[in-house]
Amino acid sequence: MVEKTHTSGFWPSLYDPLRQVGERVKEWLAPASEASGNDDAYRITVELPGVAEQDIHLSIEDGFVTLKGEKRTEREEKGKTWYFSERQYGSFSRSFRLPPDAEAGKVDAQLKDGVLTITVPKTAPKKSQTGKVEIRKG
């Protein structure tokens, strides 16, 4: 999605600094990911430590694989004379455009040790048609 910035003349929009802060927060909350491919499939790995499986939603639509989720962590420690509590909450969304040779209907996803691996098989390459072409006369 592309966001259009509105300006009037040479004066920048008053909201530009807020947009930049919002983009930074979004980047901070987005999980680290890596995409690769080989002859048979494309593979996307996403680091999701501390994210519960029920808080992960994976969908395919219009040539995109979209991952949405929410991270909720709480930590509480108590001592005889002290108390410490920390909470972190945040939702995230990542989308990956599938190449034309990806078989979107056969996506596989596996979550292991806080890492989600999404595998998208490639379609079998079409066999080239070879043969002699007859040339017609005038």
N, C-alpha and C. Protein backbone atom coordinates (compact mmCIF):
# COMPACT_ATOMS: atom_id res chain seq x y z
N MET A 1 0.85 -1.16 0.00
CA MET A 1 0.00 0.00 0.00
C MET A 1 0.89 1.23 0.00
N VAL A 2 0.55 2.17 -0.81
CA VAL A 2 1.33 3.39 -0.90
C VAL A 2 0.49 4.52 -0.32
N GLU A 3 1.09 5.27 0.56
CA GLU A 3 0.40 6.40 1.16
C GLU A 3 0.83 7.66 0.45
N LYS A 4 -0.11 8.45 0.06
CA LYS A 4 0.18 9.70 -0.63
C LYS A 4 0.28 10.83 0.38
N THR A 5 1.33 11.60 0.28
CA THR A 5 1.53 12.74 1.16
C THR A 5 0.95 13.98 0.50
N HIS A 6 0.11 14.69 1.22
CA HIS A 6 -0.51 15.90 0.69
C HIS A 6 0.25 17.12 1.19
N THR A 7 0.61 17.98 0.27
CA THR A 7 1.26 19.23 0.64
C THR A 7 0.59 20.36 -0.12
N SER A 8 0.70 21.52 0.38
CA SER A 8 0.14 22.69 -0.26
C SER A 8 1.29 23.63 -0.58
N GLY A 9 1.57 23.80 -1.87
CA GLY A 9 2.68 24.66 -2.26
C GLY A 9 3.99 24.09 -1.75
N PHE A 10 4.83 24.95 -1.19
CA PHE A 10 6.11 24.47 -0.68
C PHE A 10 6.05 24.21 0.82
N TRP A 11 4.90 24.45 1.47
CA TRP A 11 4.76 24.20 2.90
C TRP A 11 4.46 22.72 3.13
N PRO A 12 5.26 22.05 3.96
CA PRO A 12 4.98 20.64 4.24
C PRO A 12 3.74 20.49 5.12
N SER A 13 3.13 19.36 5.03
CA SER A 13 1.96 19.06 5.86
C SER A 13 2.35 19.05 7.33
N LEU A 14 1.46 19.52 8.16
CA LEU A 14 1.72 19.51 9.60
C LEU A 14 1.78 18.10 10.16
N TYR A 15 1.20 17.13 9.43
CA TYR A 15 1.15 15.75 9.90
C TYR A 15 2.35 14.92 9.48
N ASP A 16 3.24 15.45 8.65
CA ASP A 16 4.40 14.68 8.18
C ASP A 16 5.24 14.10 9.32
N PRO A 17 5.57 14.86 10.35
CA PRO A 17 6.36 14.27 11.45
C PRO A 17 5.63 13.10 12.12
N LEU A 18 4.31 13.21 12.28
CA LEU A 18 3.55 12.12 12.90
C LEU A 18 3.54 10.88 12.02
N ARG A 19 3.45 11.06 10.69
CA ARG A 19 3.51 9.92 9.78
C ARG A 19 4.84 9.21 9.91
N GLN A 20 5.91 9.98 10.01
CA GLN A 20 7.24 9.38 10.12
C GLN A 20 7.38 8.59 11.42
N VAL A 21 6.84 9.10 12.51
CA VAL A 21 6.89 8.37 13.79
C VAL A 21 6.07 7.09 13.68
N GLY A 22 4.91 7.16 13.04
CA GLY A 22 4.08 5.98 12.85
C GLY A 22 4.78 4.90 12.04
N GLU A 23 5.49 5.30 11.00
CA GLU A 23 6.24 4.34 10.18
C GLU A 23 7.36 3.69 11.00
N ARG A 24 8.03 4.46 11.82
CA ARG A 24 9.10 3.90 12.67
C ARG A 24 8.55 2.89 13.66
N VAL A 25 7.40 3.20 14.28
CA VAL A 25 6.79 2.28 15.23
C VAL A 25 6.38 1.00 14.51
N LYS A 26 5.81 1.13 13.32
CA LYS A 26 5.39 -0.03 12.53
C LYS A 26 6.59 -0.92 12.20
N GLU A 27 7.70 -0.31 11.80
CA GLU A 27 8.91 -1.08 11.50
C GLU A 27 9.46 -1.76 12.75
N TRP A 28 9.36 -1.11 13.89
CA TRP A 28 9.87 -1.67 15.14
C TRP A 28 9.06 -2.90 15.55
N LEU A 29 7.73 -2.86 15.36
CA LEU A 29 6.87 -3.96 15.74
C LEU A 29 6.89 -5.12 14.74
N ALA A 30 7.26 -4.86 13.49
CA ALA A 30 7.25 -5.90 12.47
C ALA A 30 8.34 -6.93 12.77
N PRO A 31 7.98 -8.21 12.72
CA PRO A 31 8.98 -9.25 12.99
C PRO A 31 10.00 -9.36 11.86
N ALA A 32 11.22 -9.77 12.22
CA ALA A 32 12.27 -9.96 11.22
C ALA A 32 11.89 -11.13 10.32
N SER A 33 12.19 -11.00 9.04
CA SER A 33 11.85 -12.06 8.10
C SER A 33 12.94 -12.21 7.06
N GLU A 34 12.88 -13.36 6.39
CA GLU A 34 13.85 -13.65 5.33
C GLU A 34 13.12 -14.45 4.26
N ALA A 35 13.32 -14.11 3.00
CA ALA A 35 12.70 -14.84 1.89
C ALA A 35 13.79 -15.41 1.01
N SER A 36 13.58 -16.65 0.56
CA SER A 36 14.54 -17.31 -0.32
C SER A 36 13.79 -18.26 -1.23
N GLY A 37 14.49 -18.84 -2.16
CA GLY A 37 13.88 -19.79 -3.07
C GLY A 37 14.91 -20.74 -3.65
N ASN A 38 14.42 -21.89 -4.09
CA ASN A 38 15.26 -22.83 -4.80
C ASN A 38 14.48 -23.30 -6.03
N ASP A 39 14.91 -24.38 -6.66
CA ASP A 39 14.24 -24.83 -7.87
C ASP A 39 12.81 -25.28 -7.64
N ASP A 40 12.47 -25.73 -6.42
CA ASP A 40 11.17 -26.32 -6.15
C ASP A 40 10.18 -25.41 -5.44
N ALA A 41 10.67 -24.47 -4.62
CA ALA A 41 9.75 -23.70 -3.78
C ALA A 41 10.36 -22.38 -3.34
N TYR A 42 9.47 -21.50 -2.87
CA TYR A 42 9.88 -20.27 -2.20
C TYR A 42 9.70 -20.50 -0.71
N ARG A 43 10.56 -19.90 0.10
CA ARG A 43 10.49 -20.09 1.53
C ARG A 43 10.59 -18.72 2.21
N ILE A 44 9.68 -18.49 3.14
CA ILE A 44 9.69 -17.26 3.94
C ILE A 44 9.79 -17.70 5.39
N THR A 45 10.78 -17.18 6.11
CA THR A 45 10.90 -17.46 7.53
C THR A 45 10.71 -16.15 8.29
N VAL A 46 9.93 -16.24 9.35
CA VAL A 46 9.61 -15.06 10.15
C VAL A 46 9.86 -15.38 11.61
N GLU A 47 10.62 -14.51 12.28
CA GLU A 47 10.91 -14.70 13.70
C GLU A 47 9.74 -14.18 14.53
N LEU A 48 9.14 -15.08 15.31
CA LEU A 48 7.99 -14.73 16.14
C LEU A 48 8.16 -15.19 17.58
N PRO A 49 9.29 -14.87 18.22
CA PRO A 49 9.46 -15.32 19.61
C PRO A 49 8.42 -14.70 20.52
N GLY A 50 7.85 -15.52 21.37
CA GLY A 50 6.88 -15.02 22.33
C GLY A 50 5.49 -14.82 21.78
N VAL A 51 5.25 -15.14 20.50
CA VAL A 51 3.92 -15.00 19.92
C VAL A 51 3.24 -16.36 19.96
N ALA A 52 2.08 -16.41 20.58
CA ALA A 52 1.34 -17.67 20.68
C ALA A 52 0.76 -18.06 19.33
N GLU A 53 0.70 -19.37 19.09
CA GLU A 53 0.20 -19.88 17.81
C GLU A 53 -1.21 -19.36 17.49
N GLN A 54 -2.06 -19.27 18.50
CA GLN A 54 -3.43 -18.80 18.27
C GLN A 54 -3.49 -17.31 17.93
N ASP A 55 -2.40 -16.59 18.12
CA ASP A 55 -2.35 -15.16 17.79
C ASP A 55 -1.73 -14.89 16.42
N ILE A 56 -1.48 -15.95 15.64
CA ILE A 56 -0.88 -15.82 14.31
C ILE A 56 -1.94 -16.16 13.27
N HIS A 57 -2.11 -15.28 12.28
CA HIS A 57 -3.10 -15.48 11.22
C HIS A 57 -2.39 -15.32 9.87
N LEU A 58 -2.49 -16.35 9.05
CA LEU A 58 -1.82 -16.38 7.75
C LEU A 58 -2.88 -16.52 6.67
N SER A 59 -2.82 -15.66 5.66
CA SER A 59 -3.80 -15.73 4.58
C SER A 59 -3.13 -15.47 3.23
N ILE A 60 -3.82 -15.90 2.18
CA ILE A 60 -3.35 -15.67 0.81
C ILE A 60 -4.48 -15.00 0.06
N GLU A 61 -4.16 -13.87 -0.56
CA GLU A 61 -5.18 -13.15 -1.30
C GLU A 61 -4.53 -12.28 -2.36
N ASP A 62 -5.06 -12.36 -3.56
CA ASP A 62 -4.62 -11.52 -4.68
C ASP A 62 -3.11 -11.54 -4.89
N GLY A 63 -2.50 -12.72 -4.79
CA GLY A 63 -1.07 -12.84 -5.04
C GLY A 63 -0.18 -12.43 -3.89
N PHE A 64 -0.74 -12.26 -2.70
CA PHE A 64 0.04 -11.89 -1.52
C PHE A 64 -0.15 -12.91 -0.41
N VAL A 65 0.92 -13.22 0.30
CA VAL A 65 0.85 -13.96 1.54
C VAL A 65 0.90 -12.90 2.64
N THR A 66 -0.12 -12.88 3.49
CA THR A 66 -0.18 -11.87 4.54
C THR A 66 -0.17 -12.56 5.91
N LEU A 67 0.72 -12.10 6.75
CA LEU A 67 0.88 -12.61 8.10
C LEU A 67 0.48 -11.50 9.06
N LYS A 68 -0.46 -11.81 9.95
CA LYS A 68 -0.88 -10.85 10.96
C LYS A 68 -0.80 -11.54 12.31
N GLY A 69 -0.53 -10.76 13.32
CA GLY A 69 -0.46 -11.35 14.65
C GLY A 69 -0.38 -10.30 15.72
N GLU A 70 -0.32 -10.80 16.94
CA GLU A 70 -0.21 -9.91 18.09
C GLU A 70 0.72 -10.53 19.11
N LYS A 71 1.62 -9.71 19.58
CA LYS A 71 2.57 -10.16 20.59
C LYS A 71 2.13 -9.63 21.95
N ARG A 72 2.05 -10.54 22.91
CA ARG A 72 1.68 -10.17 24.27
C ARG A 72 2.66 -10.85 25.21
N THR A 73 3.45 -10.07 25.88
CA THR A 73 4.35 -10.65 26.87
C THR A 73 4.19 -9.92 28.19
N GLU A 74 4.25 -10.69 29.23
CA GLU A 74 4.17 -10.12 30.58
C GLU A 74 5.24 -10.78 31.44
N ARG A 75 5.85 -9.97 32.25
CA ARG A 75 6.88 -10.47 33.16
C ARG A 75 6.66 -9.83 34.52
N GLU A 76 6.68 -10.66 35.53
CA GLU A 76 6.45 -10.16 36.88
C GLU A 76 7.43 -10.84 37.82
N GLU A 77 8.10 -10.04 38.64
CA GLU A 77 9.04 -10.56 39.63
C GLU A 77 8.78 -9.88 40.97
N LYS A 78 8.90 -10.65 42.01
CA LYS A 78 8.66 -10.11 43.35
C LYS A 78 9.80 -10.52 44.27
N GLY A 79 10.15 -9.63 45.13
CA GLY A 79 11.13 -9.91 46.17
C GLY A 79 10.53 -9.52 47.51
N LYS A 80 11.33 -9.64 48.54
CA LYS A 80 10.82 -9.28 49.87
C LYS A 80 10.47 -7.80 49.96
N THR A 81 11.30 -6.97 49.32
CA THR A 81 11.09 -5.53 49.44
C THR A 81 10.90 -4.84 48.09
N TRP A 82 10.69 -5.62 47.03
CA TRP A 82 10.55 -5.00 45.71
C TRP A 82 9.57 -5.77 44.83
N TYR A 83 9.12 -5.08 43.79
CA TYR A 83 8.18 -5.65 42.84
C TYR A 83 8.51 -5.09 41.45
N PHE A 84 8.57 -5.96 40.44
CA PHE A 84 8.86 -5.53 39.07
C PHE A 84 7.83 -6.15 38.14
N SER A 85 7.25 -5.34 37.27
CA SER A 85 6.27 -5.82 36.30
C SER A 85 6.54 -5.14 34.96
N GLU A 86 6.52 -5.94 33.90
CA GLU A 86 6.75 -5.39 32.57
C GLU A 86 5.78 -6.06 31.61
N ARG A 87 5.14 -5.26 30.76
CA ARG A 87 4.20 -5.79 29.77
C ARG A 87 4.52 -5.17 28.42
N GLN A 88 4.41 -6.01 27.38
CA GLN A 88 4.59 -5.53 26.02
C GLN A 88 3.46 -6.08 25.17
N TYR A 89 2.79 -5.21 24.46
CA TYR A 89 1.70 -5.60 23.57
C TYR A 89 1.92 -4.90 22.24
N GLY A 90 1.57 -5.57 21.18
CA GLY A 90 1.66 -4.93 19.87
C GLY A 90 1.22 -5.87 18.77
N SER A 91 0.51 -5.33 17.80
CA SER A 91 0.11 -6.14 16.65
C SER A 91 1.04 -5.82 15.49
N PHE A 92 1.11 -6.77 14.57
CA PHE A 92 1.98 -6.61 13.40
C PHE A 92 1.30 -7.20 12.18
N SER A 93 1.78 -6.79 11.03
CA SER A 93 1.30 -7.31 9.77
C SER A 93 2.43 -7.24 8.76
N ARG A 94 2.66 -8.33 8.05
CA ARG A 94 3.67 -8.37 6.98
C ARG A 94 3.03 -9.01 5.76
N SER A 95 3.28 -8.47 4.59
CA SER A 95 2.76 -9.03 3.35
C SER A 95 3.91 -9.26 2.38
N PHE A 96 3.83 -10.38 1.67
CA PHE A 96 4.85 -10.76 0.70
C PHE A 96 4.17 -11.06 -0.62
N ARG A 97 4.61 -10.40 -1.69
CA ARG A 97 4.05 -10.64 -3.02
C ARG A 97 4.61 -11.95 -3.55
N LEU A 98 3.71 -12.81 -4.05
CA LEU A 98 4.13 -14.08 -4.62
C LEU A 98 4.52 -13.91 -6.08
N PRO A 99 5.59 -14.55 -6.52
CA PRO A 99 5.96 -14.51 -7.93
C PRO A 99 4.93 -15.25 -8.78
N PRO A 100 4.90 -15.01 -10.08
CA PRO A 100 3.90 -15.65 -10.95
C PRO A 100 3.95 -17.18 -10.95
N ASP A 101 5.12 -17.77 -10.70
CA ASP A 101 5.22 -19.23 -10.74
C ASP A 101 4.95 -19.90 -9.39
N ALA A 102 4.43 -19.16 -8.42
CA ALA A 102 4.12 -19.73 -7.10
C ALA A 102 2.74 -20.37 -7.13
N GLU A 103 2.61 -21.53 -6.49
CA GLU A 103 1.33 -22.21 -6.38
C GLU A 103 0.66 -21.80 -5.07
N ALA A 104 -0.10 -20.74 -5.13
CA ALA A 104 -0.71 -20.16 -3.93
C ALA A 104 -1.64 -21.13 -3.21
N GLY A 105 -2.22 -22.07 -3.92
CA GLY A 105 -3.14 -23.01 -3.31
C GLY A 105 -2.47 -24.12 -2.52
N LYS A 106 -1.15 -24.19 -2.55
CA LYS A 106 -0.44 -25.27 -1.87
C LYS A 106 0.54 -24.76 -0.82
N VAL A 107 0.23 -23.66 -0.19
CA VAL A 107 1.11 -23.06 0.82
C VAL A 107 1.11 -23.93 2.07
N ASP A 108 2.29 -24.11 2.65
CA ASP A 108 2.45 -24.86 3.89
C ASP A 108 3.12 -23.94 4.91
N ALA A 109 2.69 -24.03 6.17
CA ALA A 109 3.29 -23.21 7.23
C ALA A 109 3.57 -24.07 8.45
N GLN A 110 4.75 -23.86 9.05
CA GLN A 110 5.14 -24.61 10.24
C GLN A 110 5.76 -23.65 11.25
N LEU A 111 5.30 -23.75 12.51
CA LEU A 111 5.85 -22.93 13.59
C LEU A 111 6.66 -23.84 14.50
N LYS A 112 7.94 -23.51 14.64
CA LYS A 112 8.82 -24.31 15.49
C LYS A 112 9.82 -23.38 16.18
N ASP A 113 9.88 -23.47 17.50
CA ASP A 113 10.84 -22.70 18.31
C ASP A 113 10.78 -21.20 18.02
N GLY A 114 9.56 -20.68 17.84
CA GLY A 114 9.39 -19.24 17.63
C GLY A 114 9.71 -18.76 16.22
N VAL A 115 9.90 -19.69 15.28
CA VAL A 115 10.17 -19.32 13.90
C VAL A 115 9.09 -19.94 13.01
N LEU A 116 8.40 -19.09 12.25
CA LEU A 116 7.38 -19.55 11.32
C LEU A 116 8.03 -19.71 9.95
N THR A 117 7.90 -20.90 9.37
CA THR A 117 8.43 -21.16 8.03
C THR A 117 7.25 -21.38 7.09
N ILE A 118 7.17 -20.53 6.08
CA ILE A 118 6.11 -20.61 5.08
C ILE A 118 6.75 -21.10 3.79
N THR A 119 6.21 -22.20 3.25
CA THR A 119 6.76 -22.78 2.02
C THR A 119 5.69 -22.71 0.94
N VAL A 120 6.07 -22.13 -0.21
CA VAL A 120 5.17 -22.00 -1.34
C VAL A 120 5.81 -22.72 -2.52
N PRO A 121 5.23 -23.86 -2.95
CA PRO A 121 5.83 -24.58 -4.08
C PRO A 121 5.76 -23.78 -5.37
N LYS A 122 6.68 -24.06 -6.26
CA LYS A 122 6.66 -23.45 -7.59
C LYS A 122 5.89 -24.37 -8.54
N THR A 123 5.26 -23.77 -9.52
CA THR A 123 4.58 -24.58 -10.53
C THR A 123 5.64 -25.26 -11.39
N ALA A 124 5.28 -26.42 -11.92
CA ALA A 124 6.22 -27.13 -12.80
C ALA A 124 6.42 -26.29 -14.05
N PRO A 125 7.67 -26.18 -14.49
CA PRO A 125 7.92 -25.40 -15.70
C PRO A 125 7.24 -26.05 -16.90
N LYS A 126 6.70 -25.21 -17.74
CA LYS A 126 6.05 -25.73 -18.94
C LYS A 126 7.10 -26.26 -19.89
N LYS A 127 6.79 -27.41 -20.45
CA LYS A 127 7.72 -27.99 -21.42
C LYS A 127 7.62 -27.18 -22.70
N SER A 128 8.78 -26.89 -23.25
CA SER A 128 8.79 -26.10 -24.48
C SER A 128 8.34 -26.98 -25.65
N GLN A 129 7.61 -26.37 -26.50
CA GLN A 129 7.13 -27.04 -27.70
C GLN A 129 8.21 -26.92 -28.77
N THR A 130 8.67 -28.03 -29.27
CA THR A 130 9.67 -28.00 -30.32
C THR A 130 9.15 -28.75 -31.53
N GLY A 131 9.63 -28.40 -32.62
CA GLY A 131 9.22 -29.08 -33.86
C GLY A 131 9.50 -28.21 -35.05
N LYS A 132 9.29 -28.77 -36.18
CA LYS A 132 9.54 -28.07 -37.43
C LYS A 132 8.32 -27.23 -37.81
N VAL A 133 8.57 -26.03 -38.30
CA VAL A 133 7.51 -25.13 -38.75
C VAL A 133 7.54 -25.12 -40.26
N GLU A 134 6.40 -25.43 -40.85
CA GLU A 134 6.29 -25.43 -42.31
C GLU A 134 6.15 -23.98 -42.81
N ILE A 135 6.82 -23.69 -43.87
CA ILE A 135 6.77 -22.36 -44.47
C ILE A 135 5.83 -22.44 -45.70
N ARG A 136 4.82 -21.64 -45.70
CA ARG A 136 3.86 -21.64 -46.81
C ARG A 136 4.38 -20.78 -47.93
N LYS A 137 4.00 -21.13 -49.12
CA LYS A 137 4.37 -20.34 -50.31
C LYS A 137 3.30 -19.29 -50.56
N GLY A 138 3.79 -18.12 -50.93
CA GLY A 138 3.10 -16.95 -51.28
C GLY A 138 1.74 -16.77 -51.44
